[in-house]
Amino acid sequence: MHQIKTVCVCGAGTMGTGIAQLCAASGYDTLLFDLNHAIVQNSENTIHERWQGLEIKKKISQNDLITFKKNLRVSSNINDCRADLVIEAIIEKASAKIDLFQQLAEINPINTLFVSNTSSISIHSIAAKLDDPFRFAGMHFFNPATQMQLVELIKADQTSEGMVKILQDFVLKLGKTSVICKDSPGFIVNRVARPYYLESLLMIEQGNADIETIDTVLEATGFKMGPFKLMDLIGIDINFSVSNIVWDALGKPPRLKPSPIQEQKITQHELGRKTEKGFYDYPKK
């Protein structure tokens, strides 16, 4: 195992974009990869705009801006995905993740480390399909990755202790706090958070309160964001997918049954901020 100097982030969605921004700003030579060239190019533009906004507000210097931009590259060619650490942040489907890691293993040296940003898929189930599971683990960031302080590190049975130590040091250099957790459904945060979303959705379904009231009350009691605003930020489709994975993995207990309200929102393509409409409206600026 060696020190991490280069990072490749696979998947230029909301999470991948945020993780790549964070890594580049933390001094790592960072590649952001996505098969869709237009998407990865848009992500690069988004990151540059964020940094420029910080420079205008005097939160970073002009030299910082120049350095950050030099640290970030984008590509739609998987053969460019060579790095000391590869972070996967693609769609929440185990088969897609496994296929990607198998491709990445073929083009990277044996000391490259692989991690998945999955929020709910079993790390053991992915590791079991890899030839070198000792260099694979879960590294779950939270949205927005540049602001949220916690990162969950999830060990597979075969994950080496040396890799865990390297990942802990890496997270620390990103300015984040890591916690090691067992590979159980939803890990820690998403497991504990299910009732926050599901009970709120059930109250809406039963007509006990409205969306704005629930969000306002919970924010007034100390939560940074109400459940509906948070689901819109995360993506209703992603939140619903996590609920289904956790529910199924735990034997489908009634208390954790996913909400039909979310399912209806997905059918209507009202996924939250990314589609400009979810539980709230988000008109273009």
C-alpha atoms as a PDB file:
ATOM      1  CA  MET A   1       0.000   0.000   0.000  1.00  0.00           C
ATOM      2  CA  HIS A   2       1.274   3.469  -0.785  1.00  0.00           C
ATOM      3  CA  GLN A   3       0.420   7.067  -0.063  1.00  0.00           C
ATOM      4  CA  ILE A   4      -2.475   8.553  -2.000  1.00  0.00           C
ATOM      5  CA  LYS A   5      -1.432  11.293  -4.400  1.00  0.00           C
ATOM      6  CA  THR A   6      -3.854  10.787  -7.287  1.00  0.00           C
ATOM      7  CA  VAL A   7      -7.607  10.237  -7.117  1.00  0.00           C
ATOM      8  CA  CYS A   8     -10.131   9.164  -9.746  1.00  0.00           C
ATOM      9  CA  VAL A   9     -13.833   9.758  -9.114  1.00  0.00           C
ATOM     10  CA  CYS A  10     -16.140   7.692 -11.319  1.00  0.00           C
ATOM     11  CA  GLY A  11     -19.581   9.203 -11.863  1.00  0.00           C
ATOM     12  CA  ALA A  12     -20.231  12.888 -12.469  1.00  0.00           C
ATOM     13  CA  GLY A  13     -23.586  13.138 -10.743  1.00  0.00           C
ATOM     14  CA  THR A  14     -24.240  15.291  -7.692  1.00  0.00           C
ATOM     15  CA  MET A  15     -22.107  13.188  -5.340  1.00  0.00           C
ATOM     16  CA  GLY A  16     -19.272  12.517  -7.761  1.00  0.00           C
ATOM     17  CA  THR A  17     -19.039  16.189  -8.660  1.00  0.00           C
ATOM     18  CA  GLY A  18     -18.872  17.196  -5.001  1.00  0.00           C
ATOM     19  CA  ILE A  19     -16.295  14.545  -4.126  1.00  0.00           C
ATOM     20  CA  ALA A  20     -14.073  15.528  -7.061  1.00  0.00           C
ATOM     21  CA  GLN A  21     -14.313  19.196  -6.073  1.00  0.00           C
ATOM     22  CA  LEU A  22     -13.340  18.312  -2.509  1.00  0.00           C
ATOM     23  CA  CYS A  23     -10.364  16.153  -3.541  1.00  0.00           C
ATOM     24  CA  ALA A  24      -8.960  18.704  -5.997  1.00  0.00           C
ATOM     25  CA  ALA A  25      -9.299  21.519  -3.458  1.00  0.00           C
ATOM     26  CA  SER A  26      -7.510  19.336  -0.893  1.00  0.00           C
ATOM     27  CA  GLY A  27      -4.414  19.104  -3.074  1.00  0.00           C
ATOM     28  CA  TYR A  28      -4.962  15.808  -4.869  1.00  0.00           C
ATOM     29  CA  ASP A  29      -4.409  15.328  -8.599  1.00  0.00           C
ATOM     30  CA  THR A  30      -8.029  14.474  -9.374  1.00  0.00           C
ATOM     31  CA  LEU A  31      -9.718  12.953 -12.412  1.00  0.00           C
ATOM     32  CA  LEU A  32     -13.519  13.054 -12.703  1.00  0.00           C
ATOM     33  CA  PHE A  33     -14.809  10.364 -15.063  1.00  0.00           C
ATOM     34  CA  ASP A  34     -18.206   9.767 -16.625  1.00  0.00           C
ATOM     35  CA  LEU A  35     -19.094   7.897 -19.803  1.00  0.00           C
ATOM     36  CA  ASN A  36     -21.299  10.826 -20.838  1.00  0.00           C
ATOM     37  CA  HIS A  37     -18.944  13.557 -22.074  1.00  0.00           C
ATOM     38  CA  ALA A  38     -21.580  16.310 -21.824  1.00  0.00           C
ATOM     39  CA  ILE A  39     -22.317  15.424 -18.194  1.00  0.00           C
ATOM     40  CA  VAL A  40     -18.682  15.364 -17.109  1.00  0.00           C
ATOM     41  CA  GLN A  41     -17.994  18.624 -18.942  1.00  0.00           C
ATOM     42  CA  ASN A  42     -20.963  20.236 -17.212  1.00  0.00           C
ATOM     43  CA  SER A  43     -19.659  18.991 -13.869  1.00  0.00           C
ATOM     44  CA  GLU A  44     -16.268  20.575 -14.531  1.00  0.00           C
ATOM     45  CA  ASN A  45     -17.967  23.877 -15.366  1.00  0.00           C
ATOM     46  CA  THR A  46     -20.060  23.636 -12.192  1.00  0.00           C
ATOM     47  CA  ILE A  47     -16.983  23.059 -10.035  1.00  0.00           C
ATOM     48  CA  HIS A  48     -15.138  25.965 -11.649  1.00  0.00           C
ATOM     49  CA  GLU A  49     -18.130  28.235 -11.042  1.00  0.00           C
ATOM     50  CA  ARG A  50     -18.234  27.223  -7.382  1.00  0.00           C
ATOM     51  CA  TRP A  51     -14.540  27.991  -6.931  1.00  0.00           C
ATOM     52  CA  GLN A  52     -14.884  31.294  -8.756  1.00  0.00           C
ATOM     53  CA  GLY A  53     -17.755  32.160  -6.435  1.00  0.00           C
ATOM     54  CA  LEU A  54     -15.552  31.430  -3.433  1.00  0.00           C
ATOM     55  CA  GLU A  55     -12.773  33.570  -4.892  1.00  0.00           C
ATOM     56  CA  ILE A  56     -15.179  36.474  -5.434  1.00  0.00           C
ATOM     57  CA  LYS A  57     -16.284  36.180  -1.802  1.00  0.00           C
ATOM     58  CA  LYS A  58     -12.591  36.179  -0.715  1.00  0.00           C
ATOM     59  CA  LYS A  59     -12.947  32.702   0.794  1.00  0.00           C
ATOM     60  CA  ILE A  60     -10.104  31.448  -1.383  1.00  0.00           C
ATOM     61  CA  SER A  61      -7.283  33.356  -3.063  1.00  0.00           C
ATOM     62  CA  GLN A  62      -6.679  33.747  -6.774  1.00  0.00           C
ATOM     63  CA  ASN A  63      -3.681  31.427  -6.415  1.00  0.00           C
ATOM     64  CA  ASP A  64      -5.948  28.865  -4.763  1.00  0.00           C
ATOM     65  CA  LEU A  65      -8.331  29.112  -7.701  1.00  0.00           C
ATOM     66  CA  ILE A  66      -5.528  28.535 -10.202  1.00  0.00           C
ATOM     67  CA  THR A  67      -4.160  25.589  -8.206  1.00  0.00           C
ATOM     68  CA  PHE A  68      -7.569  23.962  -7.731  1.00  0.00           C
ATOM     69  CA  LYS A  69      -8.270  24.124 -11.461  1.00  0.00           C
ATOM     70  CA  LYS A  70      -4.878  22.571 -12.235  1.00  0.00           C
ATOM     71  CA  ASN A  71      -5.660  19.723  -9.849  1.00  0.00           C
ATOM     72  CA  LEU A  72      -8.892  18.796 -11.662  1.00  0.00           C
ATOM     73  CA  ARG A  73      -9.183  16.930 -14.942  1.00  0.00           C
ATOM     74  CA  VAL A  74     -12.218  15.314 -16.569  1.00  0.00           C
ATOM     75  CA  SER A  75     -12.579  12.432 -19.005  1.00  0.00           C
ATOM     76  CA  SER A  76     -15.158  10.194 -20.641  1.00  0.00           C
ATOM     77  CA  ASN A  77     -12.556   7.511 -21.449  1.00  0.00           C
ATOM     78  CA  ILE A  78     -12.390   4.763 -18.848  1.00  0.00           C
ATOM     79  CA  ASN A  79      -8.779   4.020 -19.823  1.00  0.00           C
ATOM     80  CA  ASP A  80      -7.855   7.336 -18.190  1.00  0.00           C
ATOM     81  CA  CYS A  81      -9.094   6.052 -14.813  1.00  0.00           C
ATOM     82  CA  ARG A  82      -5.717   5.227 -13.333  1.00  0.00           C
ATOM     83  CA  ALA A  83      -5.006   6.510  -9.825  1.00  0.00           C
ATOM     84  CA  ASP A  84      -3.815   5.620  -6.332  1.00  0.00           C
ATOM     85  CA  LEU A  85      -7.422   5.749  -5.134  1.00  0.00           C
ATOM     86  CA  VAL A  86     -10.557   5.217  -7.233  1.00  0.00           C
ATOM     87  CA  ILE A  87     -13.865   6.386  -5.755  1.00  0.00           C
ATOM     88  CA  GLU A  88     -17.002   4.987  -7.392  1.00  0.00           C
ATOM     89  CA  ALA A  89     -20.096   7.208  -7.271  1.00  0.00           C
ATOM     90  CA  ILE A  90     -22.352   5.834 -10.001  1.00  0.00           C
ATOM     91  CA  ILE A  91     -25.939   4.551 -10.001  1.00  0.00           C
ATOM     92  CA  GLU A  92     -27.080   2.537  -6.945  1.00  0.00           C
ATOM     93  CA  LYS A  93     -27.095  -0.841  -8.695  1.00  0.00           C
ATOM     94  CA  ALA A  94     -24.750  -3.550  -7.478  1.00  0.00           C
ATOM     95  CA  SER A  95     -24.311  -5.101 -10.945  1.00  0.00           C
ATOM     96  CA  ALA A  96     -23.233  -1.764 -12.451  1.00  0.00           C
ATOM     97  CA  LYS A  97     -20.751  -1.136  -9.634  1.00  0.00           C
ATOM     98  CA  ILE A  98     -19.264  -4.625  -9.867  1.00  0.00           C
ATOM     99  CA  ASP A  99     -18.868  -4.334 -13.638  1.00  0.00           C
ATOM    100  CA  LEU A 100     -17.116  -0.977 -13.242  1.00  0.00           C
ATOM    101  CA  PHE A 101     -14.705  -2.229 -10.568  1.00  0.00           C
ATOM    102  CA  GLN A 102     -13.826  -5.268 -12.674  1.00  0.00           C
ATOM    103  CA  GLN A 103     -12.966  -2.988 -15.596  1.00  0.00           C
ATOM    104  CA  LEU A 104     -10.969  -0.651 -13.373  1.00  0.00           C
ATOM    105  CA  ALA A 105      -8.954  -3.530 -11.881  1.00  0.00           C
ATOM    106  CA  GLU A 106      -7.752  -4.461 -15.360  1.00  0.00           C
ATOM    107  CA  ILE A 107      -6.234  -1.044 -16.079  1.00  0.00           C
ATOM    108  CA  ASN A 108      -4.816  -0.229 -12.627  1.00  0.00           C
ATOM    109  CA  PRO A 109      -1.777  -1.631 -10.778  1.00  0.00           C
ATOM    110  CA  ILE A 110      -2.184  -4.011  -7.847  1.00  0.00           C
ATOM    111  CA  ASN A 111      -1.638  -1.243  -5.259  1.00  0.00           C
ATOM    112  CA  THR A 112      -4.564   0.907  -6.439  1.00  0.00           C
ATOM    113  CA  LEU A 113      -7.283   1.153  -3.808  1.00  0.00           C
ATOM    114  CA  PHE A 114     -10.976   0.973  -4.753  1.00  0.00           C
ATOM    115  CA  VAL A 115     -13.880   2.360  -2.723  1.00  0.00           C
ATOM    116  CA  SER A 116     -17.609   2.679  -3.298  1.00  0.00           C
ATOM    117  CA  ASN A 117     -19.657   5.678  -2.240  1.00  0.00           C
ATOM    118  CA  THR A 118     -22.758   3.500  -2.051  1.00  0.00           C
ATOM    119  CA  SER A 119     -25.179   4.583   0.647  1.00  0.00           C
ATOM    120  CA  SER A 120     -26.853   1.222   1.156  1.00  0.00           C
ATOM    121  CA  ILE A 121     -25.606  -1.641  -1.053  1.00  0.00           C
ATOM    122  CA  SER A 122     -23.699  -4.356   0.808  1.00  0.00           C
ATOM    123  CA  ILE A 123     -19.933  -3.876   0.598  1.00  0.00           C
ATOM    124  CA  HIS A 124     -19.487  -7.632   1.127  1.00  0.00           C
ATOM    125  CA  SER A 125     -21.648  -8.398  -1.915  1.00  0.00           C
ATOM    126  CA  ILE A 126     -19.470  -6.229  -4.160  1.00  0.00           C
ATOM    127  CA  ALA A 127     -16.176  -7.455  -2.689  1.00  0.00           C
ATOM    128  CA  ALA A 128     -17.203 -11.083  -3.277  1.00  0.00           C
ATOM    129  CA  LYS A 129     -17.191 -10.449  -7.040  1.00  0.00           C
ATOM    130  CA  LEU A 130     -13.730  -8.865  -7.135  1.00  0.00           C
ATOM    131  CA  ASP A 131     -10.408 -10.666  -7.620  1.00  0.00           C
ATOM    132  CA  ASP A 132      -8.610  -8.528  -5.030  1.00  0.00           C
ATOM    133  CA  PRO A 133     -11.171  -7.740  -2.310  1.00  0.00           C
ATOM    134  CA  PHE A 134      -8.415  -6.879   0.187  1.00  0.00           C
ATOM    135  CA  ARG A 135      -8.068  -3.489  -1.548  1.00  0.00           C
ATOM    136  CA  PHE A 136     -11.790  -2.667  -1.613  1.00  0.00           C
ATOM    137  CA  ALA A 137     -13.975  -0.868   0.950  1.00  0.00           C
ATOM    138  CA  GLY A 138     -16.912   1.487   1.290  1.00  0.00           C
ATOM    139  CA  MET A 139     -16.367   5.237   1.633  1.00  0.00           C
ATOM    140  CA  HIS A 140     -19.725   6.926   2.051  1.00  0.00           C
ATOM    141  CA  PHE A 141     -19.770  10.713   1.726  1.00  0.00           C
ATOM    142  CA  PHE A 142     -22.883  12.774   2.423  1.00  0.00           C
ATOM    143  CA  ASN A 143     -24.437  15.467   0.254  1.00  0.00           C
ATOM    144  CA  PRO A 144     -23.076  18.084  -0.177  1.00  0.00           C
ATOM    145  CA  ALA A 145     -19.704  16.374   0.064  1.00  0.00           C
ATOM    146  CA  THR A 146     -17.818  19.661   0.315  1.00  0.00           C
ATOM    147  CA  GLN A 147     -19.745  20.682   3.442  1.00  0.00           C
ATOM    148  CA  MET A 148     -20.845  17.561   5.299  1.00  0.00           C
ATOM    149  CA  GLN A 149     -18.187  16.555   7.811  1.00  0.00           C
ATOM    150  CA  LEU A 150     -18.861  12.842   8.233  1.00  0.00           C
ATOM    151  CA  VAL A 151     -17.557  10.016   6.036  1.00  0.00           C
ATOM    152  CA  GLU A 152     -18.524   6.415   6.784  1.00  0.00           C
ATOM    153  CA  LEU A 153     -15.797   3.832   6.127  1.00  0.00           C
ATOM    154  CA  ILE A 154     -17.195   0.331   5.642  1.00  0.00           C
ATOM    155  CA  LYS A 155     -14.962  -2.744   5.734  1.00  0.00           C
ATOM    156  CA  ALA A 156     -15.603  -5.869   3.726  1.00  0.00           C
ATOM    157  CA  ASP A 157     -14.512  -9.118   5.409  1.00  0.00           C
ATOM    158  CA  GLN A 158     -11.370  -9.159   3.291  1.00  0.00           C
ATOM    159  CA  THR A 159     -10.489  -5.446   3.467  1.00  0.00           C
ATOM    160  CA  SER A 160      -6.927  -5.102   4.742  1.00  0.00           C
ATOM    161  CA  GLU A 161      -6.253  -3.147   7.921  1.00  0.00           C
ATOM    162  CA  GLY A 162      -3.546  -1.260   6.049  1.00  0.00           C
ATOM    163  CA  MET A 163      -6.126   0.023   3.595  1.00  0.00           C
ATOM    164  CA  VAL A 164      -8.394   1.172   6.402  1.00  0.00           C
ATOM    165  CA  LYS A 165      -5.563   3.206   7.927  1.00  0.00           C
ATOM    166  CA  ILE A 166      -4.768   4.812   4.568  1.00  0.00           C
ATOM    167  CA  LEU A 167      -8.427   5.733   4.081  1.00  0.00           C
ATOM    168  CA  GLN A 168      -8.636   7.234   7.566  1.00  0.00           C
ATOM    169  CA  ASP A 169      -5.613   9.420   6.814  1.00  0.00           C
ATOM    170  CA  PHE A 170      -7.078  10.391   3.442  1.00  0.00           C
ATOM    171  CA  VAL A 171     -10.400  11.470   4.973  1.00  0.00           C
ATOM    172  CA  LEU A 172      -8.526  13.488   7.591  1.00  0.00           C
ATOM    173  CA  LYS A 173      -6.581  15.316   4.871  1.00  0.00           C
ATOM    174  CA  LEU A 174      -9.901  16.182   3.229  1.00  0.00           C
ATOM    175  CA  GLY A 175     -10.803  17.955   6.458  1.00  0.00           C
ATOM    176  CA  LYS A 176     -13.475  15.381   7.296  1.00  0.00           C
ATOM    177  CA  THR A 177     -14.205  13.021  10.172  1.00  0.00           C
ATOM    178  CA  SER A 178     -14.358   9.291   9.484  1.00  0.00           C
ATOM    179  CA  VAL A 179     -16.183   6.574  11.379  1.00  0.00           C
ATOM    180  CA  ILE A 180     -15.661   2.856  10.769  1.00  0.00           C
ATOM    181  CA  CYS A 181     -18.883   0.878  10.662  1.00  0.00           C
ATOM    182  CA  LYS A 182     -19.953  -2.680   9.971  1.00  0.00           C
ATOM    183  CA  ASP A 183     -21.446  -3.670   6.653  1.00  0.00           C
ATOM    184  CA  SER A 184     -25.087  -3.733   7.738  1.00  0.00           C
ATOM    185  CA  PRO A 185     -28.138  -2.452   5.820  1.00  0.00           C
ATOM    186  CA  GLY A 186     -27.944   1.341   5.529  1.00  0.00           C
ATOM    187  CA  PHE A 187     -24.690   1.340   7.514  1.00  0.00           C
ATOM    188  CA  ILE A 188     -25.185   3.802  10.413  1.00  0.00           C
ATOM    189  CA  VAL A 189     -26.581   7.106   9.180  1.00  0.00           C
ATOM    190  CA  ASN A 190     -29.047   5.857   6.574  1.00  0.00           C
ATOM    191  CA  ARG A 191     -30.291   3.146   8.923  1.00  0.00           C
ATOM    192  CA  VAL A 192     -30.966   5.620  11.730  1.00  0.00           C
ATOM    193  CA  ALA A 193     -32.385   8.213   9.321  1.00  0.00           C
ATOM    194  CA  ARG A 194     -35.098   5.990   7.801  1.00  0.00           C
ATOM    195  CA  PRO A 195     -37.752   6.884  10.441  1.00  0.00           C
ATOM    196  CA  TYR A 196     -36.965  10.588   9.967  1.00  0.00           C
ATOM    197  CA  TYR A 197     -38.180  10.344   6.382  1.00  0.00           C
ATOM    198  CA  LEU A 198     -40.714   7.540   6.619  1.00  0.00           C
ATOM    199  CA  GLU A 199     -42.647   8.799   9.637  1.00  0.00           C
ATOM    200  CA  SER A 200     -42.848  12.256   8.053  1.00  0.00           C
ATOM    201  CA  LEU A 201     -44.157  10.754   4.816  1.00  0.00           C
ATOM    202  CA  LEU A 202     -46.676   8.647   6.757  1.00  0.00           C
ATOM    203  CA  MET A 203     -47.992  11.763   8.487  1.00  0.00           C
ATOM    204  CA  ILE A 204     -48.580  13.351   5.079  1.00  0.00           C
ATOM    205  CA  GLU A 205     -50.224  10.186   3.787  1.00  0.00           C
ATOM    206  CA  GLN A 206     -52.569  10.113   6.786  1.00  0.00           C
ATOM    207  CA  GLY A 207     -53.291  13.831   6.579  1.00  0.00           C
ATOM    208  CA  ASN A 208     -51.916  14.596  10.044  1.00  0.00           C
ATOM    209  CA  ALA A 209     -49.800  17.564   8.959  1.00  0.00           C
ATOM    210  CA  ASP A 210     -48.559  19.326   5.826  1.00  0.00           C
ATOM    211  CA  ILE A 211     -45.060  19.340   4.368  1.00  0.00           C
ATOM    212  CA  GLU A 212     -44.156  22.892   5.337  1.00  0.00           C
ATOM    213  CA  THR A 213     -45.311  22.439   8.923  1.00  0.00           C
ATOM    214  CA  ILE A 214     -43.297  19.262   9.445  1.00  0.00           C
ATOM    215  CA  ASP A 215     -40.151  20.831   8.005  1.00  0.00           C
ATOM    216  CA  THR A 216     -40.613  24.024  10.021  1.00  0.00           C
ATOM    217  CA  VAL A 217     -41.198  22.192  13.305  1.00  0.00           C
ATOM    218  CA  LEU A 218     -38.209  19.868  12.912  1.00  0.00           C
ATOM    219  CA  GLU A 219     -35.903  22.696  11.894  1.00  0.00           C
ATOM    220  CA  ALA A 220     -37.114  24.674  14.917  1.00  0.00           C
ATOM    221  CA  THR A 221     -36.140  21.764  17.192  1.00  0.00           C
ATOM    222  CA  GLY A 222     -32.557  21.748  15.909  1.00  0.00           C
ATOM    223  CA  PHE A 223     -32.464  19.761  12.667  1.00  0.00           C
ATOM    224  CA  LYS A 224     -30.553  21.661   9.998  1.00  0.00           C
ATOM    225  CA  MET A 225     -33.058  20.624   7.319  1.00  0.00           C
ATOM    226  CA  GLY A 226     -36.568  19.258   7.523  1.00  0.00           C
ATOM    227  CA  PRO A 227     -37.135  15.780   6.015  1.00  0.00           C
ATOM    228  CA  PHE A 228     -38.852  17.019   2.842  1.00  0.00           C
ATOM    229  CA  LYS A 229     -36.232  19.652   2.067  1.00  0.00           C
ATOM    230  CA  LEU A 230     -33.569  17.039   2.708  1.00  0.00           C
ATOM    231  CA  MET A 231     -35.203  14.473   0.438  1.00  0.00           C
ATOM    232  CA  ASP A 232     -35.382  17.112  -2.301  1.00  0.00           C
ATOM    233  CA  LEU A 233     -31.681  17.824  -1.836  1.00  0.00           C
ATOM    234  CA  ILE A 234     -30.644  14.166  -1.835  1.00  0.00           C
ATOM    235  CA  GLY A 235     -32.982  13.253  -4.675  1.00  0.00           C
ATOM    236  CA  ILE A 236     -36.331  11.578  -4.037  1.00  0.00           C
ATOM    237  CA  ASP A 237     -35.373   8.694  -6.328  1.00  0.00           C
ATOM    238  CA  ILE A 238     -32.138   8.061  -4.443  1.00  0.00           C
ATOM    239  CA  ASN A 239     -33.825   8.332  -1.052  1.00  0.00           C
ATOM    240  CA  PHE A 240     -36.570   5.925  -2.157  1.00  0.00           C
ATOM    241  CA  SER A 241     -33.988   3.472  -3.501  1.00  0.00           C
ATOM    242  CA  VAL A 242     -32.112   3.470  -0.189  1.00  0.00           C
ATOM    243  CA  SER A 243     -35.368   2.908   1.702  1.00  0.00           C
ATOM    244  CA  ASN A 244     -36.148  -0.097  -0.489  1.00  0.00           C
ATOM    245  CA  ILE A 245     -32.677  -1.602  -0.101  1.00  0.00           C
ATOM    246  CA  VAL A 246     -32.724  -1.242   3.701  1.00  0.00           C
ATOM    247  CA  TRP A 247     -36.322  -2.508   3.962  1.00  0.00           C
ATOM    248  CA  ASP A 248     -35.595  -5.555   1.824  1.00  0.00           C
ATOM    249  CA  ALA A 249     -32.288  -6.353   3.559  1.00  0.00           C
ATOM    250  CA  LEU A 250     -33.954  -6.295   6.986  1.00  0.00           C
ATOM    251  CA  GLY A 251     -36.746  -8.647   5.959  1.00  0.00           C
ATOM    252  CA  LYS A 252     -39.353  -6.017   5.005  1.00  0.00           C
ATOM    253  CA  PRO A 253     -40.488  -4.882   8.477  1.00  0.00           C
ATOM    254  CA  PRO A 254     -43.756  -2.868   8.268  1.00  0.00           C
ATOM    255  CA  ARG A 255     -42.237   0.061  10.178  1.00  0.00           C
ATOM    256  CA  LEU A 256     -39.699   0.634   7.382  1.00  0.00           C
ATOM    257  CA  LYS A 257     -41.975   0.121   4.391  1.00  0.00           C
ATOM    258  CA  PRO A 258     -41.123   2.684   1.649  1.00  0.00           C
ATOM    259  CA  SER A 259     -43.693   5.381   0.998  1.00  0.00           C
ATOM    260  CA  PRO A 260     -46.041   5.340  -2.028  1.00  0.00           C
ATOM    261  CA  ILE A 261     -45.834   9.147  -2.008  1.00  0.00           C
ATOM    262  CA  GLN A 262     -42.190   8.961  -3.053  1.00  0.00           C
ATOM    263  CA  GLU A 263     -42.998   6.326  -5.658  1.00  0.00           C
ATOM    264  CA  GLN A 264     -45.614   8.634  -7.157  1.00  0.00           C
ATOM    265  CA  LYS A 265     -43.147  11.541  -7.225  1.00  0.00           C
ATOM    266  CA  ILE A 266     -40.671   9.367  -9.122  1.00  0.00           C
ATOM    267  CA  THR A 267     -43.332   8.360 -11.649  1.00  0.00           C
ATOM    268  CA  GLN A 268     -44.025  12.060 -12.226  1.00  0.00           C
ATOM    269  CA  HIS A 269     -40.280  12.741 -12.486  1.00  0.00           C
ATOM    270  CA  GLU A 270     -40.451  15.149  -9.576  1.00  0.00           C
ATOM    271  CA  LEU A 271     -37.146  14.168  -8.006  1.00  0.00           C
ATOM    272  CA  GLY A 272     -36.283  17.317  -6.085  1.00  0.00           C
ATOM    273  CA  ARG A 273     -33.774  20.052  -6.787  1.00  0.00           C
ATOM    274  CA  LYS A 274     -32.199  18.273  -9.749  1.00  0.00           C
ATOM    275  CA  THR A 275     -35.505  18.316 -11.672  1.00  0.00           C
ATOM    276  CA  GLU A 276     -36.590  21.720 -10.269  1.00  0.00           C
ATOM    277  CA  LYS A 277     -39.588  20.109  -8.579  1.00  0.00           C
ATOM    278  CA  GLY A 278     -40.022  17.679  -5.724  1.00  0.00           C
ATOM    279  CA  PHE A 279     -41.898  18.339  -2.503  1.00  0.00           C
ATOM    280  CA  TYR A 280     -41.076  21.984  -3.246  1.00  0.00           C
ATOM    281  CA  ASP A 281     -40.592  23.939  -6.466  1.00  0.00           C
ATOM    282  CA  TYR A 282     -37.096  25.093  -7.463  1.00  0.00           C
ATOM    283  CA  PRO A 283     -37.378  27.469 -10.421  1.00  0.00           C
ATOM    284  CA  LYS A 284     -34.265  28.233 -12.430  1.00  0.00           C
ATOM    285  CA  LYS A 285     -32.434  31.335 -11.296  1.00  0.00           C
END
